[in-house]
């Protein structure tokens, strides 16, 4: 993850702490994030903050900014798809064209660097699998850096 993503995450966390009603309690982080964070040994609020910074989208129907599971990023351009199938079709088309550096899903896990962890293209777009892979990458970063903020900085190569 580049410096700009780290700065985004810092702003998200600061906003969450400063503006009333946006603080992240255990109950405000969705259950899937809490469960996978506990399973992988990663702070749940950090996992959610990374997902927000990586794939956050304004959801008009919910009047909320949330991570979006059908997000792809190619060459610095984010694409938000309505369905898993639509995202999968775009992903497979780009791969057929020979493009490999594609960030995928909630955690924007990069296909070029983490293809083996992601499994198939369909699996890569499974929200829980994508969260699990992203959390494992964060944990691996933590094991070498011993600091969660430094771990966020190493999230994307």
C-alpha atoms as a PDB file:
ATOM      1  CA  UNK A   1       0.000   0.000   0.000  1.00  0.00           C
ATOM      2  CA  UNK A   2       1.317   3.394  -0.882  1.00  0.00           C
ATOM      3  CA  UNK A   3       1.676   6.412   1.362  1.00  0.00           C
ATOM      4  CA  UNK A   4      -1.605   7.881   0.078  1.00  0.00           C
ATOM      5  CA  UNK A   5      -3.581   4.869   1.342  1.00  0.00           C
ATOM      6  CA  UNK A   6      -1.854   5.141   4.728  1.00  0.00           C
ATOM      7  CA  UNK A   7      -2.857   8.793   4.894  1.00  0.00           C
ATOM      8  CA  UNK A   8      -6.455   7.887   3.947  1.00  0.00           C
ATOM      9  CA  UNK A   9      -6.585   5.333   6.741  1.00  0.00           C
ATOM     10  CA  UNK A  10      -5.164   7.826   9.219  1.00  0.00           C
ATOM     11  CA  UNK A  11      -7.861  10.363   8.251  1.00  0.00           C
ATOM     12  CA  UNK A  12     -10.604   7.745   8.517  1.00  0.00           C
ATOM     13  CA  UNK A  13      -9.465   6.762  11.997  1.00  0.00           C
ATOM     14  CA  UNK A  14      -9.087  10.394  13.112  1.00  0.00           C
ATOM     15  CA  UNK A  15     -12.550  11.270  11.819  1.00  0.00           C
ATOM     16  CA  UNK A  16     -13.983   8.228  13.565  1.00  0.00           C
ATOM     17  CA  UNK A  17     -12.424   9.311  16.847  1.00  0.00           C
ATOM     18  CA  UNK A  18     -13.230  13.031  16.641  1.00  0.00           C
ATOM     19  CA  UNK A  19     -16.707  13.328  15.126  1.00  0.00           C
ATOM     20  CA  UNK A  20     -19.494  12.248  17.480  1.00  0.00           C
ATOM     21  CA  UNK A  21     -21.443   9.243  16.334  1.00  0.00           C
ATOM     22  CA  UNK A  22     -18.701   7.882  14.059  1.00  0.00           C
ATOM     23  CA  UNK A  23     -16.472   6.210  16.632  1.00  0.00           C
ATOM     24  CA  UNK A  24     -15.893   2.534  16.033  1.00  0.00           C
ATOM     25  CA  UNK A  25     -16.958   0.416  18.900  1.00  0.00           C
ATOM     26  CA  UNK A  26     -16.824  -3.344  18.654  1.00  0.00           C
ATOM     27  CA  UNK A  27     -20.489  -3.261  17.679  1.00  0.00           C
ATOM     28  CA  UNK A  28     -20.037  -0.778  14.819  1.00  0.00           C
ATOM     29  CA  UNK A  29     -17.501  -2.924  12.971  1.00  0.00           C
ATOM     30  CA  UNK A  30     -19.508  -5.538  11.036  1.00  0.00           C
ATOM     31  CA  UNK A  31     -19.491  -9.058  12.466  1.00  0.00           C
ATOM     32  CA  UNK A  32     -17.626 -10.576   9.508  1.00  0.00           C
ATOM     33  CA  UNK A  33     -14.711  -8.208  10.045  1.00  0.00           C
ATOM     34  CA  UNK A  34     -14.668  -8.907  13.791  1.00  0.00           C
ATOM     35  CA  UNK A  35     -14.736 -12.659  13.223  1.00  0.00           C
ATOM     36  CA  UNK A  36     -11.989 -12.749  10.596  1.00  0.00           C
ATOM     37  CA  UNK A  37      -9.857 -10.250  12.527  1.00  0.00           C
ATOM     38  CA  UNK A  38     -10.060 -12.457  15.632  1.00  0.00           C
ATOM     39  CA  UNK A  39      -9.281 -15.568  13.575  1.00  0.00           C
ATOM     40  CA  UNK A  40      -6.206 -13.912  12.021  1.00  0.00           C
ATOM     41  CA  UNK A  41      -5.045 -12.010  15.121  1.00  0.00           C
ATOM     42  CA  UNK A  42      -5.558  -8.530  13.641  1.00  0.00           C
ATOM     43  CA  UNK A  43      -7.344  -5.599  15.349  1.00  0.00           C
ATOM     44  CA  UNK A  44     -10.893  -5.531  13.950  1.00  0.00           C
ATOM     45  CA  UNK A  45     -11.026  -1.740  13.723  1.00  0.00           C
ATOM     46  CA  UNK A  46      -7.784  -1.705  11.727  1.00  0.00           C
ATOM     47  CA  UNK A  47      -9.039  -4.385   9.332  1.00  0.00           C
ATOM     48  CA  UNK A  48     -12.234  -2.402   8.783  1.00  0.00           C
ATOM     49  CA  UNK A  49     -10.303   0.878   8.342  1.00  0.00           C
ATOM     50  CA  UNK A  50      -8.082  -0.690   5.684  1.00  0.00           C
ATOM     51  CA  UNK A  51     -11.146  -2.056   3.857  1.00  0.00           C
ATOM     52  CA  UNK A  52     -12.778   1.403   3.990  1.00  0.00           C
ATOM     53  CA  UNK A  53      -9.648   3.063   2.610  1.00  0.00           C
ATOM     54  CA  UNK A  54      -9.155   0.421  -0.063  1.00  0.00           C
ATOM     55  CA  UNK A  55     -12.692  -0.170  -1.357  1.00  0.00           C
ATOM     56  CA  UNK A  56     -14.934   2.353   0.378  1.00  0.00           C
ATOM     57  CA  UNK A  57     -17.982   3.512  -1.546  1.00  0.00           C
ATOM     58  CA  UNK A  58     -20.899   5.764  -0.701  1.00  0.00           C
ATOM     59  CA  UNK A  59     -23.955   3.504  -0.478  1.00  0.00           C
ATOM     60  CA  UNK A  60     -26.879   5.808  -1.185  1.00  0.00           C
ATOM     61  CA  UNK A  61     -29.576   3.363  -0.079  1.00  0.00           C
ATOM     62  CA  UNK A  62     -27.904   3.038   3.335  1.00  0.00           C
ATOM     63  CA  UNK A  63     -26.702   6.653   3.441  1.00  0.00           C
ATOM     64  CA  UNK A  64     -23.314   5.326   4.513  1.00  0.00           C
ATOM     65  CA  UNK A  65     -19.733   4.975   3.309  1.00  0.00           C
ATOM     66  CA  UNK A  66     -18.811   1.295   3.401  1.00  0.00           C
ATOM     67  CA  UNK A  67     -16.287  -1.129   1.915  1.00  0.00           C
ATOM     68  CA  UNK A  68     -17.597  -2.499  -1.396  1.00  0.00           C
ATOM     69  CA  UNK A  69     -16.861  -6.171  -2.189  1.00  0.00           C
ATOM     70  CA  UNK A  70     -17.080  -5.904  -5.979  1.00  0.00           C
ATOM     71  CA  UNK A  71     -14.281  -3.346  -6.349  1.00  0.00           C
ATOM     72  CA  UNK A  72     -11.390  -3.677  -8.773  1.00  0.00           C
ATOM     73  CA  UNK A  73      -8.495  -1.307  -9.327  1.00  0.00           C
ATOM     74  CA  UNK A  74      -6.473  -1.301 -12.520  1.00  0.00           C
ATOM     75  CA  UNK A  75      -3.647   1.184 -13.120  1.00  0.00           C
ATOM     76  CA  UNK A  76      -4.810   3.429 -10.279  1.00  0.00           C
ATOM     77  CA  UNK A  77      -8.418   3.590 -11.478  1.00  0.00           C
ATOM     78  CA  UNK A  78     -11.087   2.142  -9.177  1.00  0.00           C
ATOM     79  CA  UNK A  79     -14.088   0.313 -10.640  1.00  0.00           C
ATOM     80  CA  UNK A  80     -17.161  -0.459  -8.545  1.00  0.00           C
ATOM     81  CA  UNK A  81     -19.444  -3.193  -9.887  1.00  0.00           C
ATOM     82  CA  UNK A  82     -23.005  -3.913  -8.847  1.00  0.00           C
ATOM     83  CA  UNK A  83     -22.507  -7.685  -8.601  1.00  0.00           C
ATOM     84  CA  UNK A  84     -19.803 -10.257  -8.026  1.00  0.00           C
ATOM     85  CA  UNK A  85     -20.484 -11.663 -11.483  1.00  0.00           C
ATOM     86  CA  UNK A  86     -19.947  -8.288 -13.176  1.00  0.00           C
ATOM     87  CA  UNK A  87     -16.668  -7.761 -11.287  1.00  0.00           C
ATOM     88  CA  UNK A  88     -15.571 -11.295 -12.155  1.00  0.00           C
ATOM     89  CA  UNK A  89     -16.280 -10.733 -15.858  1.00  0.00           C
ATOM     90  CA  UNK A  90     -14.168  -7.551 -15.857  1.00  0.00           C
ATOM     91  CA  UNK A  91     -11.382  -9.242 -13.897  1.00  0.00           C
ATOM     92  CA  UNK A  92     -11.202 -12.247 -16.205  1.00  0.00           C
ATOM     93  CA  UNK A  93     -11.273 -10.000 -19.300  1.00  0.00           C
ATOM     94  CA  UNK A  94      -8.315  -7.971 -17.985  1.00  0.00           C
ATOM     95  CA  UNK A  95      -6.392 -11.136 -17.168  1.00  0.00           C
ATOM     96  CA  UNK A  96      -7.033 -12.458 -20.705  1.00  0.00           C
ATOM     97  CA  UNK A  97      -5.535  -9.189 -21.990  1.00  0.00           C
ATOM     98  CA  UNK A  98      -2.388  -9.980 -20.005  1.00  0.00           C
ATOM     99  CA  UNK A  99      -2.928  -7.444 -17.245  1.00  0.00           C
ATOM    100  CA  UNK A 100      -1.799  -8.769 -13.879  1.00  0.00           C
ATOM    101  CA  UNK A 101      -1.473  -5.874 -11.426  1.00  0.00           C
ATOM    102  CA  UNK A 102      -5.125  -5.716 -10.421  1.00  0.00           C
ATOM    103  CA  UNK A 103      -6.345  -4.986  -6.893  1.00  0.00           C
ATOM    104  CA  UNK A 104      -9.381  -7.076  -5.993  1.00  0.00           C
ATOM    105  CA  UNK A 105     -12.275  -6.961  -3.539  1.00  0.00           C
ATOM    106  CA  UNK A 106     -12.855  -5.467  -0.113  1.00  0.00           C
ATOM    107  CA  UNK A 107      -9.176  -5.484   0.799  1.00  0.00           C
ATOM    108  CA  UNK A 108      -7.894  -4.697  -2.715  1.00  0.00           C
ATOM    109  CA  UNK A 109      -5.514  -7.657  -2.654  1.00  0.00           C
ATOM    110  CA  UNK A 110      -3.171  -7.477  -5.635  1.00  0.00           C
ATOM    111  CA  UNK A 111      -3.451 -10.388  -8.080  1.00  0.00           C
ATOM    112  CA  UNK A 112       0.175 -10.118  -9.267  1.00  0.00           C
ATOM    113  CA  UNK A 113       1.626 -10.450  -5.780  1.00  0.00           C
ATOM    114  CA  UNK A 114      -0.943 -12.651  -4.049  1.00  0.00           C
ATOM    115  CA  UNK A 115      -2.433 -14.886  -6.758  1.00  0.00           C
ATOM    116  CA  UNK A 116      -1.662 -18.074  -4.848  1.00  0.00           C
ATOM    117  CA  UNK A 117      -3.325 -16.771  -1.692  1.00  0.00           C
ATOM    118  CA  UNK A 118      -6.362 -15.545  -3.615  1.00  0.00           C
ATOM    119  CA  UNK A 119      -6.975 -18.861  -5.397  1.00  0.00           C
ATOM    120  CA  UNK A 120      -9.309 -18.602  -8.363  1.00  0.00           C
ATOM    121  CA  UNK A 121     -10.626 -15.321  -9.726  1.00  0.00           C
ATOM    122  CA  UNK A 122     -14.062 -16.240  -8.367  1.00  0.00           C
ATOM    123  CA  UNK A 123     -12.627 -16.976  -4.907  1.00  0.00           C
ATOM    124  CA  UNK A 124     -10.722 -13.677  -4.974  1.00  0.00           C
ATOM    125  CA  UNK A 125     -14.086 -11.894  -5.157  1.00  0.00           C
ATOM    126  CA  UNK A 126     -15.620 -13.820  -2.259  1.00  0.00           C
ATOM    127  CA  UNK A 127     -15.895 -11.156   0.477  1.00  0.00           C
ATOM    128  CA  UNK A 128     -14.951 -13.451   3.367  1.00  0.00           C
ATOM    129  CA  UNK A 129     -12.075 -15.067   1.492  1.00  0.00           C
ATOM    130  CA  UNK A 130     -10.810 -11.634   0.410  1.00  0.00           C
ATOM    131  CA  UNK A 131     -10.995 -10.341   4.001  1.00  0.00           C
ATOM    132  CA  UNK A 132      -9.174 -13.431   5.247  1.00  0.00           C
ATOM    133  CA  UNK A 133      -6.365 -12.983   2.705  1.00  0.00           C
ATOM    134  CA  UNK A 134      -6.080  -9.259   3.459  1.00  0.00           C
ATOM    135  CA  UNK A 135      -5.985  -9.931   7.207  1.00  0.00           C
ATOM    136  CA  UNK A 136      -3.280 -12.574   6.700  1.00  0.00           C
ATOM    137  CA  UNK A 137      -1.192 -10.061   4.724  1.00  0.00           C
ATOM    138  CA  UNK A 138      -1.601  -7.465   7.500  1.00  0.00           C
ATOM    139  CA  UNK A 139      -0.606 -10.077  10.096  1.00  0.00           C
ATOM    140  CA  UNK A 140       2.463 -11.042   8.067  1.00  0.00           C
ATOM    141  CA  UNK A 141       3.457  -7.368   7.879  1.00  0.00           C
ATOM    142  CA  UNK A 142       2.965  -7.087  11.642  1.00  0.00           C
ATOM    143  CA  UNK A 143       5.169 -10.110  12.306  1.00  0.00           C
ATOM    144  CA  UNK A 144       8.092  -8.397  10.577  1.00  0.00           C
ATOM    145  CA  UNK A 145       7.439  -4.833  11.799  1.00  0.00           C
ATOM    146  CA  UNK A 146       5.881  -5.429  15.255  1.00  0.00           C
ATOM    147  CA  UNK A 147       3.764  -2.295  14.874  1.00  0.00           C
ATOM    148  CA  UNK A 148       0.268  -2.097  13.399  1.00  0.00           C
ATOM    149  CA  UNK A 149       0.716   1.338  11.789  1.00  0.00           C
ATOM    150  CA  UNK A 150       3.920   0.205  10.076  1.00  0.00           C
ATOM    151  CA  UNK A 151       2.031  -2.902   8.994  1.00  0.00           C
ATOM    152  CA  UNK A 152      -0.559  -0.743   7.258  1.00  0.00           C
ATOM    153  CA  UNK A 153       2.286   0.960   5.400  1.00  0.00           C
ATOM    154  CA  UNK A 154       3.560  -2.347   4.022  1.00  0.00           C
ATOM    155  CA  UNK A 155       0.115  -3.669   3.075  1.00  0.00           C
ATOM    156  CA  UNK A 156       0.563  -3.089  -0.678  1.00  0.00           C
ATOM    157  CA  UNK A 157       3.971  -3.783  -2.259  1.00  0.00           C
END
